[in-house]
Amino acid sequence: MKILLVDDEPFALRTVKEMMESAKNSWEIVAAVEDGEEAITVLQEHEVDLVISDIRMPAVDGLELSKYIVEHFSNVRVILLTGYKDFGYAQQALRYGVVDYLLKPTSFESLFESIEKIEDCILKEKNLNRLRTKRERDILEKRLDDLLFGLPFPYYDDELIPRFNEILVFTCCLKDASTLQMGWVEINAYSAIKNIIEEWFLMYGKAYVTVQEQHIAVIVFLDDTEDKRIVYKEILGRLYETIQALLKIELKIGFGFPCRKLTELHVHYKESMYAMEDARKTNFSSISFYEDIKQNTDEVKHLEKKYEGKKNRRVIEIVLEKMKTKLSEDLTLKLLAEEVYLNPTYLGRIFKQETGESFSSYLINLRIEKAKELLRNPALKIYEVCEQVGYNDPAHFTHVFKKSVGITPQEYKMRS
């Protein structure tokens, strides 16, 4: 934890600093200053978790400093120390978000106890923030993966999208997976490439990499920078050289046109895939741009079919996820088709194609398997299980269950 000490009494400041430096290895004294103005400068230039400040100081006092902190650095905690037993100070300090208010002379034991409580809170918050950030990134990557196939982006996740002026889309594949060096396996190679790409584009914006079948798709949200003339070919060229130098891996890269709308992403993703396939065929260049290639009708048809196959698999993955989480609801093919913006008849056809079962048959089996799991719980009644797997009529549930399992739910529960 990074701590800033503020006190206009040099002896008291030095004493607290020395005691704290020897108290705990995790406590780092960023600075020890003698007035609030200096403290503000430190806060502007360094990362600080906790400020321990005297109240009575010339120029900017402890209360004014606390007010500044709550307005500009709301994540920074404050402990105020004072020799004045004034309840008004304490009230005002609380209004400014001060975590603790200790009267001088206070024992180091009391001060350290207060600091340790704050440290625990900060660690918990940082861990929660890390988990939240990871969860949000995972959700965004999944949503972007859907957008690559023209699937809708839920409005409630809009805030996850970074601000952008333009979006770049390109795809990469290994030149030859069979010639990987350094003991690489393909999936690990793509993970390493993903890390380099995401770090590489930090100077331009925010990059997200999703691993597809035998290639990776890269979506870069470019900042609204002053320089609108970023030379994409040069950027990709330098990125290619960096990956080759660091990982000793050769890539084939396909680049589509940049875009300004999320809804256009799938179009330019397909362009990048066509360009990547073009790069695969030649030994002259490792980077191919859609605008430069001459399209072969048969190849376009083949790639379109391949793309549609991947899109269908992704659609069915989404539908299956929704089915599993909504088993207690009145699920219909029409309802699910509306959620993925497809015609029900078409969804039914690709559902059977991908799962080997009709939608209705798959749904019954899913509900029966969930019912069997729930029936093994002695605390649940039959009618409760019935409701949780989407059947309103217990008699109908019993009929369907017996037809599928060979025995009634009651018999199954007794045997479990």
Protein backbone atom coordinates (compact mmCIF):
# COMPACT_ATOMS: atom_id res chain seq x y z
CA MET A 1 0.00 0.00 0.00
CA LYS A 2 1.34 3.43 -1.00
CA ILE A 3 1.11 6.03 1.77
CA LEU A 4 1.55 9.82 1.80
CA LEU A 5 2.35 11.51 5.15
CA VAL A 6 1.51 15.20 5.74
CA ASP A 7 2.40 17.15 8.90
CA ASP A 8 3.85 20.63 9.45
CA GLU A 9 5.77 19.43 12.52
CA PRO A 10 9.07 18.02 11.18
CA PHE A 11 9.81 15.91 14.26
CA ALA A 12 6.36 14.28 14.30
CA LEU A 13 6.55 13.71 10.52
CA ARG A 14 9.98 12.07 10.73
CA THR A 15 8.98 9.90 13.71
CA VAL A 16 5.81 8.56 12.04
CA LYS A 17 7.72 7.93 8.80
CA GLU A 18 10.47 5.93 10.54
CA MET A 19 8.02 3.88 12.59
CA MET A 20 5.86 3.05 9.56
CA GLU A 21 8.81 2.09 7.35
CA SER A 22 9.85 -0.53 9.88
CA ALA A 23 6.33 -1.71 10.74
CA LYS A 24 5.26 -3.62 7.63
CA ASN A 25 6.90 -4.50 4.31
CA SER A 26 3.71 -3.88 2.35
CA TRP A 27 3.59 -0.22 3.48
CA GLU A 28 5.48 2.08 1.14
CA ILE A 29 5.94 5.73 2.10
CA VAL A 30 5.62 7.56 -1.22
CA ALA A 31 6.49 10.93 0.37
CA ALA A 32 6.49 12.80 3.70
CA VAL A 33 5.64 16.50 3.21
CA GLU A 34 5.00 19.46 5.50
CA ASP A 35 1.92 21.09 4.00
CA GLY A 36 -1.22 20.43 1.97
CA GLU A 37 0.07 22.16 -1.18
CA GLU A 38 3.02 19.79 -1.39
CA ALA A 39 0.67 16.88 -0.75
CA ILE A 40 -1.49 17.89 -3.75
CA THR A 41 1.59 17.96 -5.97
CA VAL A 42 2.54 14.45 -4.82
CA LEU A 43 -0.98 13.18 -5.47
CA GLN A 44 -0.86 14.58 -9.01
CA GLU A 45 2.47 12.91 -9.76
CA HIS A 46 2.37 9.60 -7.89
CA GLU A 47 0.03 6.73 -7.18
CA VAL A 48 -1.24 6.96 -3.58
CA ASP A 49 -3.63 4.68 -1.69
CA LEU A 50 -3.72 6.41 1.72
CA VAL A 51 -3.03 9.94 3.02
CA ILE A 52 -2.30 10.43 6.73
CA SER A 53 -2.47 14.13 7.47
CA ASP A 54 -2.51 16.59 10.33
CA ILE A 55 -5.51 18.95 10.32
CA ARG A 56 -3.90 22.22 11.45
CA MET A 57 -1.42 23.32 8.78
CA PRO A 58 -0.66 26.63 7.05
CA ALA A 59 -2.02 27.33 3.55
CA VAL A 60 -3.93 24.15 2.67
CA ASP A 61 -4.97 22.44 5.92
CA GLY A 62 -6.03 18.83 6.45
CA LEU A 63 -9.73 19.47 5.83
CA GLU A 64 -9.09 21.39 2.61
CA LEU A 65 -6.75 18.60 1.51
CA SER A 66 -9.45 16.01 2.30
CA LYS A 67 -11.98 17.99 0.25
CA TYR A 68 -9.54 18.14 -2.69
CA ILE A 69 -8.91 14.39 -2.45
CA VAL A 70 -12.59 13.43 -2.42
CA GLU A 71 -13.17 15.66 -5.47
CA HIS A 72 -10.15 14.59 -7.52
CA PHE A 73 -8.89 11.25 -6.14
CA SER A 74 -11.98 9.50 -4.78
CA ASN A 75 -10.16 6.16 -4.50
CA VAL A 76 -7.60 7.57 -2.02
CA ARG A 77 -8.38 7.05 1.70
CA VAL A 78 -7.63 9.68 4.34
CA ILE A 79 -6.78 9.49 8.03
CA LEU A 80 -6.72 12.84 9.86
CA LEU A 81 -4.68 13.48 13.01
CA THR A 82 -5.31 16.45 15.28
CA GLY A 83 -4.68 17.71 18.75
CA TYR A 84 -7.95 19.65 18.78
CA LYS A 85 -10.91 17.95 20.41
CA ASP A 86 -13.40 19.72 18.19
CA PHE A 87 -16.51 17.75 17.20
CA GLY A 88 -17.09 20.18 14.32
CA TYR A 89 -13.82 19.07 12.74
CA ALA A 90 -14.86 15.44 12.99
CA GLN A 91 -18.24 16.12 11.39
CA GLN A 92 -16.68 18.03 8.51
CA ALA A 93 -14.01 15.35 8.09
CA LEU A 94 -16.72 12.69 7.70
CA ARG A 95 -18.46 14.81 5.05
CA TYR A 96 -15.20 14.83 3.09
CA GLY A 97 -15.00 11.05 3.16
CA VAL A 98 -12.26 10.79 5.81
CA VAL A 99 -11.98 7.15 6.88
CA ASP A 100 -10.64 7.76 10.38
CA TYR A 101 -10.15 10.71 12.71
CA LEU A 102 -7.54 10.23 15.46
CA LEU A 103 -6.76 12.64 18.28
CA LYS A 104 -3.16 13.51 19.08
CA PRO A 105 -1.28 12.21 20.84
CA THR A 106 -2.40 8.84 19.47
CA SER A 107 -0.53 5.60 20.01
CA PHE A 108 1.20 3.96 17.07
CA GLU A 109 -0.80 0.86 17.90
CA SER A 110 -4.10 2.73 17.24
CA LEU A 111 -2.72 4.31 14.06
CA PHE A 112 -1.38 1.00 12.73
CA GLU A 113 -4.65 -0.76 13.53
CA SER A 114 -6.51 1.87 11.51
CA ILE A 115 -4.06 1.55 8.60
CA GLU A 116 -4.37 -2.25 8.56
CA LYS A 117 -8.17 -2.02 8.36
CA ILE A 118 -7.87 0.37 5.43
CA GLU A 119 -5.29 -1.88 3.76
CA ASP A 120 -7.67 -4.86 4.02
CA CYS A 121 -10.46 -2.82 2.42
CA ILE A 122 -8.17 -1.64 -0.40
CA LEU A 123 -6.98 -5.18 -1.14
CA LYS A 124 -10.57 -6.46 -1.25
CA GLU A 125 -11.58 -3.63 -3.58
CA LYS A 126 -8.60 -4.21 -5.87
CA ASN A 127 -9.36 -7.92 -6.06
CA LEU A 128 -13.03 -7.20 -6.83
CA ASN A 129 -12.02 -4.66 -9.48
CA ARG A 130 -9.66 -7.18 -11.07
CA LEU A 131 -12.41 -9.80 -11.16
CA ARG A 132 -14.91 -7.27 -12.51
CA THR A 133 -12.47 -6.12 -15.20
CA LYS A 134 -11.72 -9.70 -16.24
CA ARG A 135 -15.43 -10.58 -16.29
CA GLU A 136 -16.24 -7.51 -18.39
CA ARG A 137 -13.41 -8.26 -20.80
CA ASP A 138 -14.57 -11.88 -21.16
CA ILE A 139 -18.11 -10.69 -21.88
CA LEU A 140 -16.89 -8.11 -24.40
CA GLU A 141 -14.70 -10.62 -26.22
CA LYS A 142 -17.68 -12.95 -26.48
CA ARG A 143 -19.92 -10.14 -27.77
CA LEU A 144 -17.29 -9.09 -30.31
CA ASP A 145 -17.00 -12.70 -31.42
CA ASP A 146 -20.76 -12.60 -32.08
CA LEU A 147 -20.43 -9.35 -34.03
CA LEU A 148 -17.87 -10.98 -36.33
CA PHE A 149 -20.71 -13.21 -37.51
CA GLY A 150 -23.33 -10.48 -37.78
CA LEU A 151 -25.10 -11.43 -34.56
CA PRO A 152 -26.77 -8.66 -32.51
CA PHE A 153 -24.96 -6.82 -29.72
CA PRO A 154 -27.15 -6.53 -26.57
CA TYR A 155 -27.88 -2.88 -25.76
CA TYR A 156 -27.19 -3.50 -22.05
CA ASP A 157 -23.53 -4.24 -22.86
CA ASP A 158 -22.99 -1.02 -24.86
CA GLU A 159 -20.96 0.54 -22.06
CA LEU A 160 -18.33 -2.19 -22.44
CA ILE A 161 -17.33 -0.90 -25.89
CA PRO A 162 -14.28 1.42 -25.74
CA ARG A 163 -14.55 4.87 -27.27
CA PHE A 164 -13.30 4.80 -30.84
CA ASN A 165 -12.84 6.86 -33.94
CA GLU A 166 -12.39 3.91 -36.27
CA ILE A 167 -12.30 0.11 -36.06
CA LEU A 168 -9.66 -2.07 -37.68
CA VAL A 169 -10.31 -5.74 -38.38
CA PHE A 170 -7.68 -8.22 -39.47
CA THR A 171 -7.02 -11.93 -39.22
CA CYS A 172 -3.81 -13.92 -38.70
CA CYS A 173 -2.87 -17.54 -39.17
CA LEU A 174 0.35 -19.50 -38.87
CA LYS A 175 2.27 -19.77 -42.11
CA ASP A 176 2.80 -23.45 -41.41
CA ALA A 177 1.76 -24.98 -38.09
CA SER A 178 3.89 -28.07 -38.77
CA THR A 179 7.10 -26.02 -38.71
CA LEU A 180 6.58 -24.38 -35.30
CA GLN A 181 9.81 -24.04 -33.36
CA MET A 182 10.70 -23.73 -29.66
CA GLY A 183 8.30 -26.53 -28.72
CA TRP A 184 5.23 -24.43 -29.62
CA VAL A 185 1.85 -26.08 -30.04
CA GLU A 186 -0.66 -24.18 -32.16
CA ILE A 187 -3.02 -23.05 -29.36
CA ASN A 188 -0.12 -21.78 -27.21
CA ALA A 189 1.39 -19.99 -30.19
CA TYR A 190 -1.91 -18.16 -30.77
CA SER A 191 -2.12 -17.22 -27.07
CA ALA A 192 1.38 -15.70 -27.21
CA ILE A 193 0.52 -13.83 -30.43
CA LYS A 194 -2.70 -12.56 -28.81
CA ASN A 195 -0.73 -11.09 -25.87
CA ILE A 196 1.75 -9.32 -28.16
CA ILE A 197 -0.97 -7.88 -30.39
CA GLU A 198 -3.03 -6.52 -27.49
CA GLU A 199 0.03 -4.84 -25.97
CA TRP A 200 1.26 -3.59 -29.35
CA PHE A 201 -1.92 -1.64 -30.09
CA LEU A 202 -2.05 0.15 -26.72
CA MET A 203 -0.30 3.10 -28.39
CA TYR A 204 -3.17 3.40 -30.88
CA GLY A 205 -6.24 2.30 -28.93
CA LYS A 206 -7.64 -0.95 -27.57
CA ALA A 207 -7.24 -4.33 -29.27
CA TYR A 208 -9.26 -7.50 -28.66
CA VAL A 209 -8.19 -10.85 -30.05
CA THR A 210 -10.49 -13.85 -30.41
CA VAL A 211 -9.19 -17.29 -31.31
CA GLN A 212 -11.16 -18.80 -34.18
CA GLU A 213 -10.73 -22.09 -36.03
CA GLN A 214 -7.09 -22.14 -37.17
CA HIS A 215 -6.71 -18.36 -37.08
CA ILE A 216 -7.19 -15.38 -34.80
CA ALA A 217 -9.40 -12.37 -35.42
CA VAL A 218 -8.20 -8.96 -34.22
CA ILE A 219 -10.52 -6.02 -33.57
CA VAL A 220 -8.84 -2.70 -32.80
CA PHE A 221 -10.77 0.29 -31.49
CA LEU A 222 -8.66 3.27 -32.51
CA ASP A 223 -8.62 6.35 -30.29
CA ASP A 224 -9.90 9.66 -31.56
CA THR A 225 -6.34 10.88 -32.05
CA GLU A 226 -5.24 14.02 -33.86
CA ASP A 227 -3.46 11.97 -36.51
CA LYS A 228 -6.20 10.53 -38.72
CA ARG A 229 -3.69 9.33 -41.31
CA ILE A 230 -2.39 6.23 -39.52
CA VAL A 231 -0.68 4.09 -42.14
CA TYR A 232 -2.22 0.67 -41.48
CA LYS A 233 0.12 -1.17 -43.80
CA GLU A 234 3.14 0.14 -41.91
CA ILE A 235 1.59 -0.74 -38.55
CA LEU A 236 0.86 -4.32 -39.60
CA GLY A 237 4.31 -4.62 -41.15
CA ARG A 238 6.01 -3.61 -37.91
CA LEU A 239 3.70 -5.89 -35.90
CA TYR A 240 4.57 -8.82 -38.16
CA GLU A 241 8.31 -8.15 -37.70
CA THR A 242 7.90 -7.89 -33.91
CA ILE A 243 6.09 -11.22 -33.63
CA GLN A 244 8.64 -12.89 -35.88
CA ALA A 245 11.55 -11.48 -33.84
CA LEU A 246 10.09 -12.32 -30.41
CA LEU A 247 8.45 -15.68 -31.10
CA LYS A 248 10.26 -16.90 -34.23
CA ILE A 249 6.81 -17.48 -35.73
CA GLU A 250 5.81 -16.54 -39.27
CA LEU A 251 2.28 -15.38 -39.89
CA LYS A 252 -0.06 -14.79 -42.77
CA ILE A 253 -2.14 -11.66 -42.19
CA GLY A 254 -5.30 -10.55 -43.97
CA PHE A 255 -6.63 -7.01 -43.63
CA GLY A 256 -10.12 -5.75 -44.53
CA PHE A 257 -11.28 -2.15 -44.83
CA PRO A 258 -11.53 -0.14 -41.58
CA CYS A 259 -15.04 0.81 -40.44
CA ARG A 260 -16.86 3.17 -38.10
CA LYS A 261 -19.89 1.06 -37.11
CA LEU A 262 -20.06 -2.11 -35.04
CA THR A 263 -22.80 -3.43 -37.31
CA GLU A 264 -20.34 -3.41 -40.23
CA LEU A 265 -17.78 -5.52 -38.41
CA HIS A 266 -18.83 -8.86 -39.92
CA VAL A 267 -18.48 -7.51 -43.46
CA HIS A 268 -14.88 -6.41 -42.92
CA TYR A 269 -14.07 -9.57 -40.99
CA LYS A 270 -15.02 -11.56 -44.09
CA GLU A 271 -12.84 -9.24 -46.17
CA SER A 272 -9.89 -9.93 -43.88
CA MET A 273 -10.49 -13.68 -44.16
CA TYR A 274 -10.47 -13.47 -47.97
CA ALA A 275 -7.24 -11.46 -47.79
CA MET A 276 -5.68 -13.95 -45.34
CA GLU A 277 -6.50 -16.84 -47.68
CA ASP A 278 -4.90 -14.84 -50.49
CA ALA A 279 -1.76 -14.42 -48.36
CA ARG A 280 -1.68 -18.18 -47.74
CA LYS A 281 -1.37 -18.85 -51.48
CA THR A 282 1.66 -16.67 -52.10
CA ASN A 283 5.26 -16.75 -50.95
CA PHE A 284 5.87 -13.15 -52.01
CA SER A 285 4.09 -11.42 -49.14
CA SER A 286 2.94 -12.33 -45.64
CA ILE A 287 0.38 -9.51 -45.49
CA SER A 288 -2.50 -9.20 -47.90
CA PHE A 289 -5.02 -6.36 -48.18
CA TYR A 290 -8.53 -6.95 -49.41
CA GLU A 291 -8.45 -3.87 -51.63
CA ASP A 292 -5.46 -5.29 -53.52
CA ILE A 293 -6.62 -8.84 -54.22
CA LYS A 294 -8.37 -10.15 -57.31
CA GLN A 295 -11.26 -12.29 -56.20
CA ASN A 296 -11.87 -15.70 -57.68
CA THR A 297 -15.60 -16.53 -57.78
CA ASP A 298 -15.14 -20.15 -56.75
CA GLU A 299 -12.85 -19.19 -53.86
CA VAL A 300 -15.31 -16.54 -52.68
CA LYS A 301 -18.11 -19.13 -52.69
CA HIS A 302 -15.93 -21.58 -50.77
CA LEU A 303 -14.99 -18.98 -48.15
CA GLU A 304 -18.58 -17.76 -47.87
CA LYS A 305 -19.71 -21.31 -47.21
CA LYS A 306 -16.95 -21.74 -44.62
CA TYR A 307 -17.95 -18.45 -42.95
CA GLU A 308 -21.64 -19.42 -42.88
CA GLY A 309 -20.73 -22.76 -41.32
CA LYS A 310 -18.82 -21.00 -38.53
CA LYS A 311 -21.66 -18.52 -38.09
CA ASN A 312 -24.19 -21.35 -37.77
CA ARG A 313 -22.08 -23.09 -35.14
CA ARG A 314 -21.82 -19.85 -33.16
CA VAL A 315 -25.59 -19.27 -33.43
CA ILE A 316 -26.33 -22.75 -32.11
CA GLU A 317 -23.85 -22.24 -29.24
CA ILE A 318 -25.80 -19.10 -28.25
CA VAL A 319 -29.16 -20.86 -28.57
CA LEU A 320 -27.97 -23.79 -26.43
CA GLU A 321 -26.70 -21.41 -23.75
CA LYS A 322 -30.07 -19.63 -23.70
CA MET A 323 -31.94 -22.94 -23.53
CA LYS A 324 -29.90 -24.10 -20.52
CA THR A 325 -30.47 -20.86 -18.60
CA LYS A 326 -34.18 -20.57 -19.44
CA LEU A 327 -35.40 -24.13 -18.89
CA SER A 328 -38.11 -22.97 -16.48
CA GLU A 329 -39.60 -20.68 -19.15
CA ASP A 330 -41.91 -21.39 -22.07
CA LEU A 331 -39.18 -21.95 -24.66
CA THR A 332 -40.11 -21.99 -28.33
CA LEU A 333 -38.08 -22.05 -31.52
CA LYS A 334 -39.79 -18.83 -32.60
CA LEU A 335 -38.80 -17.03 -29.38
CA LEU A 336 -35.16 -18.09 -29.66
CA ALA A 337 -35.07 -17.27 -33.37
CA GLU A 338 -36.14 -13.70 -32.55
CA GLU A 339 -33.28 -13.38 -30.06
CA VAL A 340 -30.67 -14.28 -32.71
CA TYR A 341 -32.47 -12.42 -35.53
CA LEU A 342 -33.11 -15.51 -37.66
CA ASN A 343 -36.09 -17.08 -39.35
CA PRO A 344 -37.49 -19.91 -37.14
CA THR A 345 -37.53 -22.37 -40.03
CA TYR A 346 -33.89 -21.61 -40.86
CA LEU A 347 -32.88 -21.86 -37.19
CA GLY A 348 -34.64 -25.21 -36.89
CA ARG A 349 -32.76 -26.50 -39.93
CA ILE A 350 -29.29 -25.44 -38.76
CA PHE A 351 -30.12 -26.61 -35.21
CA LYS A 352 -30.68 -30.17 -36.45
CA GLN A 353 -27.66 -29.89 -38.73
CA GLU A 354 -25.35 -28.90 -35.85
CA THR A 355 -26.79 -31.03 -33.00
CA GLY A 356 -28.18 -34.03 -34.89
CA GLU A 357 -31.56 -33.57 -33.19
CA SER A 358 -34.66 -31.49 -33.78
CA PHE A 359 -35.19 -28.49 -31.49
CA SER A 360 -38.17 -30.08 -29.69
CA SER A 361 -36.37 -33.39 -29.12
CA TYR A 362 -33.23 -31.65 -27.82
CA LEU A 363 -35.29 -29.45 -25.49
CA ILE A 364 -37.15 -32.46 -24.01
CA ASN A 365 -33.86 -34.31 -23.40
CA LEU A 366 -32.33 -31.20 -21.83
CA ARG A 367 -35.30 -30.81 -19.49
CA ILE A 368 -35.32 -34.48 -18.55
CA GLU A 369 -31.59 -34.47 -17.73
CA LYS A 370 -32.05 -31.37 -15.57
CA ALA A 371 -35.07 -32.97 -13.89
CA LYS A 372 -33.04 -36.10 -13.05
CA GLU A 373 -30.39 -33.88 -11.46
CA LEU A 374 -32.98 -31.99 -9.41
CA LEU A 375 -34.84 -35.16 -8.36
CA ARG A 376 -31.68 -36.37 -6.64
CA ASN A 377 -32.07 -33.43 -4.23
CA PRO A 378 -34.19 -34.76 -1.31
CA ALA A 379 -35.24 -31.23 -0.34
CA LEU A 380 -37.14 -30.64 -3.61
CA LYS A 381 -40.73 -31.72 -4.15
CA ILE A 382 -41.85 -33.25 -7.47
CA TYR A 383 -43.98 -30.21 -8.35
CA GLU A 384 -40.98 -27.91 -7.67
CA VAL A 385 -38.81 -29.94 -10.06
CA CYS A 386 -41.63 -29.86 -12.59
CA GLU A 387 -41.77 -26.04 -12.49
CA GLN A 388 -37.99 -25.61 -12.63
CA VAL A 389 -37.72 -27.56 -15.88
CA GLY A 390 -40.54 -25.72 -17.64
CA TYR A 391 -43.61 -27.95 -17.14
CA ASN A 392 -46.77 -26.36 -15.74
CA ASP A 393 -48.74 -29.61 -15.64
CA PRO A 394 -47.30 -32.31 -13.29
CA ALA A 395 -49.27 -35.02 -15.09
CA HIS A 396 -47.77 -34.05 -18.44
CA PHE A 397 -44.31 -33.88 -16.85
CA THR A 398 -44.77 -37.40 -15.43
CA HIS A 399 -45.88 -38.71 -18.85
CA VAL A 400 -42.89 -37.17 -20.67
CA PHE A 401 -40.43 -38.27 -17.96
CA LYS A 402 -41.66 -41.90 -17.96
CA LYS A 403 -41.59 -42.06 -21.75
CA SER A 404 -37.96 -40.89 -21.73
CA VAL A 405 -36.56 -42.62 -18.61
CA GLY A 406 -38.86 -45.65 -18.30
CA ILE A 407 -40.04 -44.85 -14.78
CA THR A 408 -42.03 -42.03 -13.16
CA PRO A 409 -40.37 -39.06 -11.42
CA GLN A 410 -41.59 -40.43 -8.06
CA GLU A 411 -39.97 -43.81 -8.72
CA TYR A 412 -36.75 -42.14 -9.91
CA LYS A 413 -36.64 -40.01 -6.75
CA MET A 414 -37.12 -43.03 -4.52
CA ARG A 415 -34.26 -44.88 -6.23
CA SER A 416 -31.86 -41.92 -6.08
